[in-house]
Amino acid sequence: MQKDLDSAFEFCRSLAKSHYENFPVGSVLIPKDKRKYVYCIYAFARYADDIADSSGYDEVTKLQKLDTLESELDRSVNENKTDLNSDTGKIFLALSETIRNLNIPVSEFKKLLSAFKQDSVYREYKSFEELLDYSDRSANPIGHLVLNVFGYGKNENEKLFSLSDKICTALQLINFWQDVSVDLKMNRIYIPADIMNEFGYDIVKLKNKTEDESFRKVIKNLTDKTENLFDEGIDISGMLKGRLKFEIKATVNGGRKILSKIREINYNVLSTRVTLSKTDKLKIITDSFF
């Protein structure tokens, strides 16, 4: 059993580290005894997100697969049953162990699945508020789960969890502004219609990949809103102890660096997708200690 469990956690580690380019998922800043739990949380999120993102499935199939994933989650937790011959079985073996050992609420994982189901069918957002609602289910639960791994409970630390939501929402939004061109190819538009309308831009221009002054004003407005969320959540590091404090600082530094790079290209994110270099990532980690 221990061999199966070790193999499951290793699978989660590989899956998590293969996908997250911006932020130090499970980095050396996370204590080794907690790292495996962080990996399996991100692996679950990544696996479900890959279903929602897949071009090989239609909407009905995506929803069916995500429903099946939710059923497997319930079965692994309630009945301690997993199929070790499948990728999902490995994920759920590690995940059920994490949930039991750390007394993590399953509801956080179900919120994530709710967001991925929405991603499977939802193509446009009318307002910034709609985007915040999506982020509350797609990103904020990750922050809650990481805090749970480190022994922080929501009931005893409401302020901490509220600040975490600001940071995680900002990170989700950054992914949207970084991936405007990528998402457009999948017919997904995360730029809210109300913000486009405010600056004289529209979906037709976006689909034609028009990068004019109105588009740059839209992206500037959205990156400014995102930066403000970081500012609103900045006190979180002062409420954390140990290595998690530095991990969160590094994560925020990574997000701010992406925003800085978007500004450097004058907000032309349709024609240029900004990324973090190895040098950027090294500086992000070292700067987290100051």
C-alpha atoms as a PDB file:
ATOM      1  CA  MET A   1       0.000   0.000   0.000  1.00  0.00           C
ATOM      2  CA  GLN A   2       2.800   2.432   0.891  1.00  0.00           C
ATOM      3  CA  LYS A   3       4.488   1.715  -2.433  1.00  0.00           C
ATOM      4  CA  ASP A   4       1.242   2.526  -4.273  1.00  0.00           C
ATOM      5  CA  LEU A   5       0.866   5.706  -2.242  1.00  0.00           C
ATOM      6  CA  ASP A   6       4.425   6.833  -2.949  1.00  0.00           C
ATOM      7  CA  SER A   7       3.889   6.154  -6.649  1.00  0.00           C
ATOM      8  CA  ALA A   8       0.640   8.148  -6.607  1.00  0.00           C
ATOM      9  CA  PHE A   9       2.276  11.168  -4.982  1.00  0.00           C
ATOM     10  CA  GLU A  10       5.152  10.990  -7.464  1.00  0.00           C
ATOM     11  CA  PHE A  11       2.676  10.972 -10.359  1.00  0.00           C
ATOM     12  CA  CYS A  12       1.023  14.081  -8.914  1.00  0.00           C
ATOM     13  CA  ARG A  13       4.395  15.785  -8.525  1.00  0.00           C
ATOM     14  CA  SER A  14       5.249  15.182 -12.178  1.00  0.00           C
ATOM     15  CA  LEU A  15       1.852  16.366 -13.383  1.00  0.00           C
ATOM     16  CA  ALA A  16       1.890  19.531 -11.277  1.00  0.00           C
ATOM     17  CA  LYS A  17       5.444  20.545 -12.179  1.00  0.00           C
ATOM     18  CA  SER A  18       4.889  19.987 -15.899  1.00  0.00           C
ATOM     19  CA  HIS A  19       2.165  22.617 -16.193  1.00  0.00           C
ATOM     20  CA  TYR A  20       2.736  25.693 -14.041  1.00  0.00           C
ATOM     21  CA  GLU A  21       5.156  28.059 -15.761  1.00  0.00           C
ATOM     22  CA  ASN A  22       4.582  31.288 -13.825  1.00  0.00           C
ATOM     23  CA  PHE A  23       4.549  30.319 -10.196  1.00  0.00           C
ATOM     24  CA  PRO A  24       6.750  28.131  -7.943  1.00  0.00           C
ATOM     25  CA  VAL A  25       4.344  25.241  -7.346  1.00  0.00           C
ATOM     26  CA  GLY A  26       5.729  23.027  -4.586  1.00  0.00           C
ATOM     27  CA  SER A  27       9.084  24.800  -4.748  1.00  0.00           C
ATOM     28  CA  VAL A  28      11.976  24.428  -2.321  1.00  0.00           C
ATOM     29  CA  LEU A  29      10.268  27.133  -0.284  1.00  0.00           C
ATOM     30  CA  ILE A  30       7.657  24.541   0.715  1.00  0.00           C
ATOM     31  CA  PRO A  31       8.804  22.157   3.491  1.00  0.00           C
ATOM     32  CA  LYS A  32       9.479  18.689   2.098  1.00  0.00           C
ATOM     33  CA  ASP A  33       6.889  16.997   4.332  1.00  0.00           C
ATOM     34  CA  LYS A  34       4.138  19.238   2.928  1.00  0.00           C
ATOM     35  CA  ARG A  35       5.310  19.437  -0.673  1.00  0.00           C
ATOM     36  CA  LYS A  36       3.618  16.199  -1.744  1.00  0.00           C
ATOM     37  CA  TYR A  37       0.251  17.486  -0.530  1.00  0.00           C
ATOM     38  CA  VAL A  38       0.610  20.701  -2.510  1.00  0.00           C
ATOM     39  CA  TYR A  39       1.556  18.704  -5.601  1.00  0.00           C
ATOM     40  CA  CYS A  40      -1.525  16.489  -5.427  1.00  0.00           C
ATOM     41  CA  ILE A  41      -3.861  19.477  -5.017  1.00  0.00           C
ATOM     42  CA  TYR A  42      -2.396  21.117  -8.118  1.00  0.00           C
ATOM     43  CA  ALA A  43      -2.407  17.798  -9.992  1.00  0.00           C
ATOM     44  CA  PHE A  44      -6.137  17.392  -9.380  1.00  0.00           C
ATOM     45  CA  ALA A  45      -6.794  20.943 -10.568  1.00  0.00           C
ATOM     46  CA  ARG A  46      -4.562  20.481 -13.600  1.00  0.00           C
ATOM     47  CA  TYR A  47      -6.151  17.194 -14.632  1.00  0.00           C
ATOM     48  CA  ALA A  48      -9.672  18.617 -14.413  1.00  0.00           C
ATOM     49  CA  ASP A  49      -8.638  21.803 -16.201  1.00  0.00           C
ATOM     50  CA  ASP A  50      -7.120  19.764 -19.025  1.00  0.00           C
ATOM     51  CA  ILE A  51     -10.506  18.128 -19.592  1.00  0.00           C
ATOM     52  CA  ALA A  52     -12.200  21.527 -19.819  1.00  0.00           C
ATOM     53  CA  ASP A  53      -9.466  22.777 -22.171  1.00  0.00           C
ATOM     54  CA  SER A  54      -9.355  19.735 -24.438  1.00  0.00           C
ATOM     55  CA  SER A  55     -10.099  20.339 -28.107  1.00  0.00           C
ATOM     56  CA  GLY A  56     -10.740  16.614 -28.504  1.00  0.00           C
ATOM     57  CA  TYR A  57     -13.996  16.636 -26.518  1.00  0.00           C
ATOM     58  CA  ASP A  58     -17.293  18.340 -27.233  1.00  0.00           C
ATOM     59  CA  GLU A  59     -19.156  20.155 -24.453  1.00  0.00           C
ATOM     60  CA  VAL A  60     -21.316  17.162 -23.526  1.00  0.00           C
ATOM     61  CA  THR A  61     -18.302  14.863 -23.238  1.00  0.00           C
ATOM     62  CA  LYS A  62     -16.398  17.393 -21.127  1.00  0.00           C
ATOM     63  CA  LEU A  63     -19.283  17.688 -18.680  1.00  0.00           C
ATOM     64  CA  GLN A  64     -19.662  13.913 -18.514  1.00  0.00           C
ATOM     65  CA  LYS A  65     -15.967  13.458 -17.773  1.00  0.00           C
ATOM     66  CA  LEU A  66     -16.021  16.151 -15.086  1.00  0.00           C
ATOM     67  CA  ASP A  67     -19.131  14.573 -13.533  1.00  0.00           C
ATOM     68  CA  THR A  68     -17.297  11.242 -13.507  1.00  0.00           C
ATOM     69  CA  LEU A  69     -14.328  12.937 -11.864  1.00  0.00           C
ATOM     70  CA  GLU A  70     -16.618  14.294  -9.146  1.00  0.00           C
ATOM     71  CA  SER A  71     -18.079  10.823  -8.571  1.00  0.00           C
ATOM     72  CA  GLU A  72     -14.558   9.390  -8.309  1.00  0.00           C
ATOM     73  CA  LEU A  73     -13.695  12.093  -5.789  1.00  0.00           C
ATOM     74  CA  ASP A  74     -16.681  11.129  -3.632  1.00  0.00           C
ATOM     75  CA  ARG A  75     -15.923   7.421  -3.915  1.00  0.00           C
ATOM     76  CA  SER A  76     -12.242   7.816  -3.052  1.00  0.00           C
ATOM     77  CA  VAL A  77     -13.040   9.871   0.040  1.00  0.00           C
ATOM     78  CA  ASN A  78     -16.193   8.118   1.275  1.00  0.00           C
ATOM     79  CA  GLU A  79     -15.426   4.526   0.276  1.00  0.00           C
ATOM     80  CA  ASN A  80     -11.625   4.670  -0.012  1.00  0.00           C
ATOM     81  CA  LYS A  81     -11.850   3.094  -3.478  1.00  0.00           C
ATOM     82  CA  THR A  82      -9.552   4.002  -6.374  1.00  0.00           C
ATOM     83  CA  ASP A  83      -8.422   2.354  -9.607  1.00  0.00           C
ATOM     84  CA  LEU A  84      -4.627   2.390  -9.457  1.00  0.00           C
ATOM     85  CA  ASN A  85      -4.361   1.445 -13.134  1.00  0.00           C
ATOM     86  CA  SER A  86      -5.663   4.856 -14.196  1.00  0.00           C
ATOM     87  CA  ASP A  87      -4.208   8.361 -13.913  1.00  0.00           C
ATOM     88  CA  THR A  88      -7.262   9.524 -12.002  1.00  0.00           C
ATOM     89  CA  GLY A  89      -6.895   6.598  -9.620  1.00  0.00           C
ATOM     90  CA  LYS A  90      -3.354   7.689  -8.781  1.00  0.00           C
ATOM     91  CA  ILE A  91      -4.486  11.273  -8.258  1.00  0.00           C
ATOM     92  CA  PHE A  92      -7.377  10.252  -6.030  1.00  0.00           C
ATOM     93  CA  LEU A  93      -5.285   7.845  -3.974  1.00  0.00           C
ATOM     94  CA  ALA A  94      -2.930  10.718  -3.128  1.00  0.00           C
ATOM     95  CA  LEU A  95      -5.792  13.171  -2.760  1.00  0.00           C
ATOM     96  CA  SER A  96      -7.856  10.996  -0.409  1.00  0.00           C
ATOM     97  CA  GLU A  97      -4.756  10.485   1.741  1.00  0.00           C
ATOM     98  CA  THR A  98      -4.232  14.257   1.793  1.00  0.00           C
ATOM     99  CA  ILE A  99      -7.854  14.965   2.684  1.00  0.00           C
ATOM    100  CA  ARG A 100      -7.868  12.430   5.534  1.00  0.00           C
ATOM    101  CA  ASN A 101      -4.465  13.330   6.958  1.00  0.00           C
ATOM    102  CA  LEU A 102      -5.062  17.075   6.955  1.00  0.00           C
ATOM    103  CA  ASN A 103      -8.838  17.127   7.476  1.00  0.00           C
ATOM    104  CA  ILE A 104      -9.352  19.194   4.322  1.00  0.00           C
ATOM    105  CA  PRO A 105     -12.938  20.027   3.253  1.00  0.00           C
ATOM    106  CA  VAL A 106     -13.978  18.231   0.056  1.00  0.00           C
ATOM    107  CA  SER A 107     -16.168  21.239  -0.804  1.00  0.00           C
ATOM    108  CA  GLU A 108     -13.099  23.153  -2.007  1.00  0.00           C
ATOM    109  CA  PHE A 109     -12.433  20.521  -4.686  1.00  0.00           C
ATOM    110  CA  LYS A 110     -16.078  20.610  -5.752  1.00  0.00           C
ATOM    111  CA  LYS A 111     -15.856  24.378  -6.218  1.00  0.00           C
ATOM    112  CA  LEU A 112     -12.942  23.799  -8.561  1.00  0.00           C
ATOM    113  CA  LEU A 113     -14.959  21.261 -10.544  1.00  0.00           C
ATOM    114  CA  SER A 114     -17.829  23.748 -10.740  1.00  0.00           C
ATOM    115  CA  ALA A 115     -15.491  26.269 -12.378  1.00  0.00           C
ATOM    116  CA  PHE A 116     -14.123  23.710 -14.833  1.00  0.00           C
ATOM    117  CA  LYS A 117     -17.648  22.714 -15.819  1.00  0.00           C
ATOM    118  CA  GLN A 118     -18.405  26.378 -16.457  1.00  0.00           C
ATOM    119  CA  ASP A 119     -15.253  26.618 -18.557  1.00  0.00           C
ATOM    120  CA  SER A 120     -16.507  23.730 -20.676  1.00  0.00           C
ATOM    121  CA  VAL A 121     -19.596  25.600 -21.856  1.00  0.00           C
ATOM    122  CA  TYR A 122     -19.101  29.299 -21.067  1.00  0.00           C
ATOM    123  CA  ARG A 123     -17.441  31.347 -23.775  1.00  0.00           C
ATOM    124  CA  GLU A 124     -17.903  35.040 -22.928  1.00  0.00           C
ATOM    125  CA  TYR A 125     -18.177  37.172 -19.793  1.00  0.00           C
ATOM    126  CA  LYS A 126     -20.481  40.170 -19.651  1.00  0.00           C
ATOM    127  CA  SER A 127     -18.908  41.899 -16.674  1.00  0.00           C
ATOM    128  CA  PHE A 128     -15.838  42.001 -14.468  1.00  0.00           C
ATOM    129  CA  GLU A 129     -18.059  40.819 -11.599  1.00  0.00           C
ATOM    130  CA  GLU A 130     -18.847  37.618 -13.525  1.00  0.00           C
ATOM    131  CA  LEU A 131     -15.133  37.045 -13.910  1.00  0.00           C
ATOM    132  CA  LEU A 132     -14.622  37.520 -10.170  1.00  0.00           C
ATOM    133  CA  ASP A 133     -17.346  34.953  -9.486  1.00  0.00           C
ATOM    134  CA  TYR A 134     -15.589  32.470 -11.754  1.00  0.00           C
ATOM    135  CA  SER A 135     -12.247  33.148 -10.054  1.00  0.00           C
ATOM    136  CA  ASP A 136     -13.864  32.574  -6.668  1.00  0.00           C
ATOM    137  CA  ARG A 137     -14.371  28.960  -7.735  1.00  0.00           C
ATOM    138  CA  SER A 138     -11.434  28.408 -10.098  1.00  0.00           C
ATOM    139  CA  ALA A 139      -8.599  29.961  -8.086  1.00  0.00           C
ATOM    140  CA  ASN A 140      -9.573  30.870  -4.536  1.00  0.00           C
ATOM    141  CA  PRO A 141     -10.115  27.244  -3.428  1.00  0.00           C
ATOM    142  CA  ILE A 142      -6.467  26.535  -4.310  1.00  0.00           C
ATOM    143  CA  GLY A 143      -5.377  29.196  -1.840  1.00  0.00           C
ATOM    144  CA  HIS A 144      -7.688  27.787   0.821  1.00  0.00           C
ATOM    145  CA  LEU A 145      -6.328  24.284   0.266  1.00  0.00           C
ATOM    146  CA  VAL A 146      -2.705  25.397   0.519  1.00  0.00           C
ATOM    147  CA  LEU A 147      -3.523  27.187   3.774  1.00  0.00           C
ATOM    148  CA  ASN A 148      -5.213  23.988   4.992  1.00  0.00           C
ATOM    149  CA  VAL A 149      -2.049  22.015   4.202  1.00  0.00           C
ATOM    150  CA  PHE A 150      -0.154  24.365   6.507  1.00  0.00           C
ATOM    151  CA  GLY A 151      -2.662  23.969   9.324  1.00  0.00           C
ATOM    152  CA  TYR A 152      -4.685  27.149   8.877  1.00  0.00           C
ATOM    153  CA  GLY A 153      -8.450  26.680   9.276  1.00  0.00           C
ATOM    154  CA  LYS A 154     -10.928  29.050   7.660  1.00  0.00           C
ATOM    155  CA  ASN A 155     -13.119  29.517  10.739  1.00  0.00           C
ATOM    156  CA  GLU A 156     -10.180  30.609  12.886  1.00  0.00           C
ATOM    157  CA  ASN A 157      -8.478  32.698  10.186  1.00  0.00           C
ATOM    158  CA  GLU A 158     -11.185  34.545   8.238  1.00  0.00           C
ATOM    159  CA  LYS A 159      -8.988  37.591   7.527  1.00  0.00           C
ATOM    160  CA  LEU A 160      -6.163  35.399   6.245  1.00  0.00           C
ATOM    161  CA  PHE A 161      -8.471  33.513   3.891  1.00  0.00           C
ATOM    162  CA  SER A 162      -9.965  36.789   2.651  1.00  0.00           C
ATOM    163  CA  LEU A 163      -6.494  38.111   1.786  1.00  0.00           C
ATOM    164  CA  SER A 164      -5.688  34.804   0.108  1.00  0.00           C
ATOM    165  CA  ASP A 165      -8.738  35.271  -2.114  1.00  0.00           C
ATOM    166  CA  LYS A 166      -7.393  38.630  -3.299  1.00  0.00           C
ATOM    167  CA  ILE A 167      -4.053  37.083  -4.239  1.00  0.00           C
ATOM    168  CA  CYS A 168      -5.505  33.997  -5.914  1.00  0.00           C
ATOM    169  CA  THR A 169      -8.047  35.990  -7.910  1.00  0.00           C
ATOM    170  CA  ALA A 170      -5.246  38.263  -9.110  1.00  0.00           C
ATOM    171  CA  LEU A 171      -3.213  35.233 -10.204  1.00  0.00           C
ATOM    172  CA  GLN A 172      -6.181  33.837 -12.117  1.00  0.00           C
ATOM    173  CA  LEU A 173      -6.749  37.159 -13.880  1.00  0.00           C
ATOM    174  CA  ILE A 174      -3.075  37.360 -14.816  1.00  0.00           C
ATOM    175  CA  ASN A 175      -3.393  34.029 -16.598  1.00  0.00           C
ATOM    176  CA  PHE A 176      -6.289  35.463 -18.589  1.00  0.00           C
ATOM    177  CA  TRP A 177      -4.402  38.598 -19.688  1.00  0.00           C
ATOM    178  CA  GLN A 178      -1.287  36.559 -20.456  1.00  0.00           C
ATOM    179  CA  ASP A 179      -3.257  34.036 -22.536  1.00  0.00           C
ATOM    180  CA  VAL A 180      -5.679  36.259 -24.469  1.00  0.00           C
ATOM    181  CA  SER A 181      -4.415  34.954 -27.815  1.00  0.00           C
ATOM    182  CA  VAL A 182      -4.325  31.327 -26.628  1.00  0.00           C
ATOM    183  CA  ASP A 183      -7.858  31.434 -25.244  1.00  0.00           C
ATOM    184  CA  LEU A 184      -9.150  33.126 -28.378  1.00  0.00           C
ATOM    185  CA  LYS A 185      -8.076  30.091 -30.406  1.00  0.00           C
ATOM    186  CA  MET A 186     -10.335  27.994 -28.155  1.00  0.00           C
ATOM    187  CA  ASN A 187     -13.158  30.508 -28.667  1.00  0.00           C
ATOM    188  CA  ARG A 188     -12.891  31.673 -25.058  1.00  0.00           C
ATOM    189  CA  ILE A 189     -13.108  35.340 -24.201  1.00  0.00           C
ATOM    190  CA  TYR A 190     -12.286  36.347 -20.646  1.00  0.00           C
ATOM    191  CA  ILE A 191     -12.106  40.082 -21.342  1.00  0.00           C
ATOM    192  CA  PRO A 192     -15.440  41.324 -19.938  1.00  0.00           C
ATOM    193  CA  ALA A 193     -17.829  42.935 -22.419  1.00  0.00           C
ATOM    194  CA  ASP A 194     -18.527  45.891 -20.112  1.00  0.00           C
ATOM    195  CA  ILE A 195     -14.821  46.809 -20.001  1.00  0.00           C
ATOM    196  CA  MET A 196     -14.526  46.519 -23.780  1.00  0.00           C
ATOM    197  CA  ASN A 197     -17.575  48.734 -24.242  1.00  0.00           C
ATOM    198  CA  GLU A 198     -16.177  51.318 -21.833  1.00  0.00           C
ATOM    199  CA  PHE A 199     -13.180  51.893 -24.112  1.00  0.00           C
ATOM    200  CA  GLY A 200     -14.868  51.531 -27.499  1.00  0.00           C
ATOM    201  CA  TYR A 201     -13.681  48.009 -28.181  1.00  0.00           C
ATOM    202  CA  ASP A 202     -15.793  44.928 -28.974  1.00  0.00           C
ATOM    203  CA  ILE A 203     -15.746  41.184 -29.552  1.00  0.00           C
ATOM    204  CA  VAL A 204     -15.652  41.575 -33.336  1.00  0.00           C
ATOM    205  CA  LYS A 205     -12.400  43.536 -33.079  1.00  0.00           C
ATOM    206  CA  LEU A 206     -11.031  40.995 -30.639  1.00  0.00           C
ATOM    207  CA  LYS A 207     -11.784  38.061 -32.921  1.00  0.00           C
ATOM    208  CA  ASN A 208     -10.090  39.978 -35.739  1.00  0.00           C
ATOM    209  CA  LYS A 209      -7.083  40.400 -33.413  1.00  0.00           C
ATOM    210  CA  THR A 210      -7.212  44.179 -33.629  1.00  0.00           C
ATOM    211  CA  GLU A 211      -4.602  45.756 -31.351  1.00  0.00           C
ATOM    212  CA  ASP A 212      -5.509  49.419 -31.453  1.00  0.00           C
ATOM    213  CA  GLU A 213      -5.416  52.115 -28.794  1.00  0.00           C
ATOM    214  CA  SER A 214      -8.818  51.082 -27.449  1.00  0.00           C
ATOM    215  CA  PHE A 215      -7.569  47.516 -26.972  1.00  0.00           C
ATOM    216  CA  ARG A 216      -4.492  48.727 -25.111  1.00  0.00           C
ATOM    217  CA  LYS A 217      -6.714  50.821 -22.838  1.00  0.00           C
ATOM    218  CA  VAL A 218      -8.828  47.745 -22.102  1.00  0.00           C
ATOM    219  CA  ILE A 219      -5.815  45.654 -21.124  1.00  0.00           C
ATOM    220  CA  LYS A 220      -4.325  48.512 -19.099  1.00  0.00           C
ATOM    221  CA  ASN A 221      -7.577  48.838 -17.179  1.00  0.00           C
ATOM    222  CA  LEU A 222      -7.672  45.111 -16.479  1.00  0.00           C
ATOM    223  CA  THR A 223      -4.024  44.864 -15.437  1.00  0.00           C
ATOM    224  CA  ASP A 224      -4.514  47.877 -13.144  1.00  0.00           C
ATOM    225  CA  LYS A 225      -7.489  46.149 -11.511  1.00  0.00           C
ATOM    226  CA  THR A 226      -5.369  43.042 -11.089  1.00  0.00           C
ATOM    227  CA  GLU A 227      -2.486  44.987  -9.543  1.00  0.00           C
ATOM    228  CA  ASN A 228      -4.974  46.547  -7.116  1.00  0.00           C
ATOM    229  CA  LEU A 229      -6.027  43.077  -5.973  1.00  0.00           C
ATOM    230  CA  PHE A 230      -2.401  42.283  -5.152  1.00  0.00           C
ATOM    231  CA  ASP A 231      -2.204  45.538  -3.188  1.00  0.00           C
ATOM    232  CA  GLU A 232      -5.389  44.644  -1.282  1.00  0.00           C
ATOM    233  CA  GLY A 233      -3.973  41.244  -0.351  1.00  0.00           C
ATOM    234  CA  ILE A 234      -0.417  42.363   0.398  1.00  0.00           C
ATOM    235  CA  ASP A 235      -0.764  41.992   4.187  1.00  0.00           C
ATOM    236  CA  ILE A 236      -1.063  38.218   3.847  1.00  0.00           C
ATOM    237  CA  SER A 237       2.683  37.624   4.150  1.00  0.00           C
ATOM    238  CA  GLY A 238       2.715  39.277   7.571  1.00  0.00           C
ATOM    239  CA  MET A 239       0.115  36.793   8.798  1.00  0.00           C
ATOM    240  CA  LEU A 240       2.022  33.710   7.669  1.00  0.00           C
ATOM    241  CA  LYS A 241       4.886  31.884   9.328  1.00  0.00           C
ATOM    242  CA  GLY A 242       7.812  29.833   8.112  1.00  0.00           C
ATOM    243  CA  ARG A 243       8.457  28.943   4.511  1.00  0.00           C
ATOM    244  CA  LEU A 244       4.871  29.492   3.381  1.00  0.00           C
ATOM    245  CA  LYS A 245       5.419  33.211   3.900  1.00  0.00           C
ATOM    246  CA  PHE A 246       8.252  33.175   1.364  1.00  0.00           C
ATOM    247  CA  GLU A 247       6.389  30.871  -1.039  1.00  0.00           C
ATOM    248  CA  ILE A 248       3.458  33.295  -1.158  1.00  0.00           C
ATOM    249  CA  LYS A 249       5.791  36.271  -1.581  1.00  0.00           C
ATOM    250  CA  ALA A 250       7.479  34.485  -4.490  1.00  0.00           C
ATOM    251  CA  THR A 251       4.102  33.697  -6.046  1.00  0.00           C
ATOM    252  CA  VAL A 252       3.005  37.328  -5.797  1.00  0.00           C
ATOM    253  CA  ASN A 253       6.362  38.481  -7.181  1.00  0.00           C
ATOM    254  CA  GLY A 254       5.833  36.173 -10.155  1.00  0.00           C
ATOM    255  CA  GLY A 255       2.409  37.615 -10.803  1.00  0.00           C
ATOM    256  CA  ARG A 256       3.619  41.185 -10.559  1.00  0.00           C
ATOM    257  CA  LYS A 257       6.480  40.391 -12.946  1.00  0.00           C
ATOM    258  CA  ILE A 258       4.014  39.139 -15.555  1.00  0.00           C
ATOM    259  CA  LEU A 259       2.019  42.368 -15.185  1.00  0.00           C
ATOM    260  CA  SER A 260       5.239  44.351 -15.571  1.00  0.00           C
ATOM    261  CA  LYS A 261       6.076  42.475 -18.763  1.00  0.00           C
ATOM    262  CA  ILE A 262       2.603  43.161 -20.143  1.00  0.00           C
ATOM    263  CA  ARG A 263       3.200  46.863 -19.544  1.00  0.00           C
ATOM    264  CA  GLU A 264       6.601  46.595 -21.256  1.00  0.00           C
ATOM    265  CA  ILE A 265       4.950  45.352 -24.478  1.00  0.00           C
ATOM    266  CA  ASN A 266       2.484  48.252 -24.258  1.00  0.00           C
ATOM    267  CA  TYR A 267      -0.399  45.856 -23.505  1.00  0.00           C
ATOM    268  CA  ASN A 268      -0.219  44.189 -26.944  1.00  0.00           C
ATOM    269  CA  VAL A 269      -1.036  40.747 -25.560  1.00  0.00           C
ATOM    270  CA  LEU A 270      -2.751  39.585 -28.745  1.00  0.00           C
ATOM    271  CA  SER A 271       0.478  39.577 -30.728  1.00  0.00           C
ATOM    272  CA  THR A 272       2.897  38.814 -27.879  1.00  0.00           C
ATOM    273  CA  ARG A 273       2.511  36.292 -25.080  1.00  0.00           C
ATOM    274  CA  VAL A 274       4.747  37.251 -22.169  1.00  0.00           C
ATOM    275  CA  THR A 275       6.512  34.556 -20.146  1.00  0.00           C
ATOM    276  CA  LEU A 276       8.959  34.333 -17.277  1.00  0.00           C
ATOM    277  CA  SER A 277      12.560  33.445 -18.094  1.00  0.00           C
ATOM    278  CA  LYS A 278      14.753  31.274 -15.874  1.00  0.00           C
ATOM    279  CA  THR A 279      16.506  34.453 -14.764  1.00  0.00           C
ATOM    280  CA  ASP A 280      13.146  35.996 -13.859  1.00  0.00           C
ATOM    281  CA  LYS A 281      12.198  32.951 -11.794  1.00  0.00           C
ATOM    282  CA  LEU A 282      15.505  32.917  -9.923  1.00  0.00           C
ATOM    283  CA  LYS A 283      15.169  36.609  -9.069  1.00  0.00           C
ATOM    284  CA  ILE A 284      11.548  36.097  -8.022  1.00  0.00           C
ATOM    285  CA  ILE A 285      12.582  33.456  -5.496  1.00  0.00           C
ATOM    286  CA  THR A 286      15.585  35.385  -4.143  1.00  0.00           C
ATOM    287  CA  ASP A 287      13.542  38.595  -3.846  1.00  0.00           C
ATOM    288  CA  SER A 288      10.962  36.757  -1.740  1.00  0.00           C
ATOM    289  CA  PHE A 289      13.405  36.777   1.179  1.00  0.00           C
ATOM    290  CA  PHE A 290      13.557  40.593   1.311  1.00  0.00           C
END
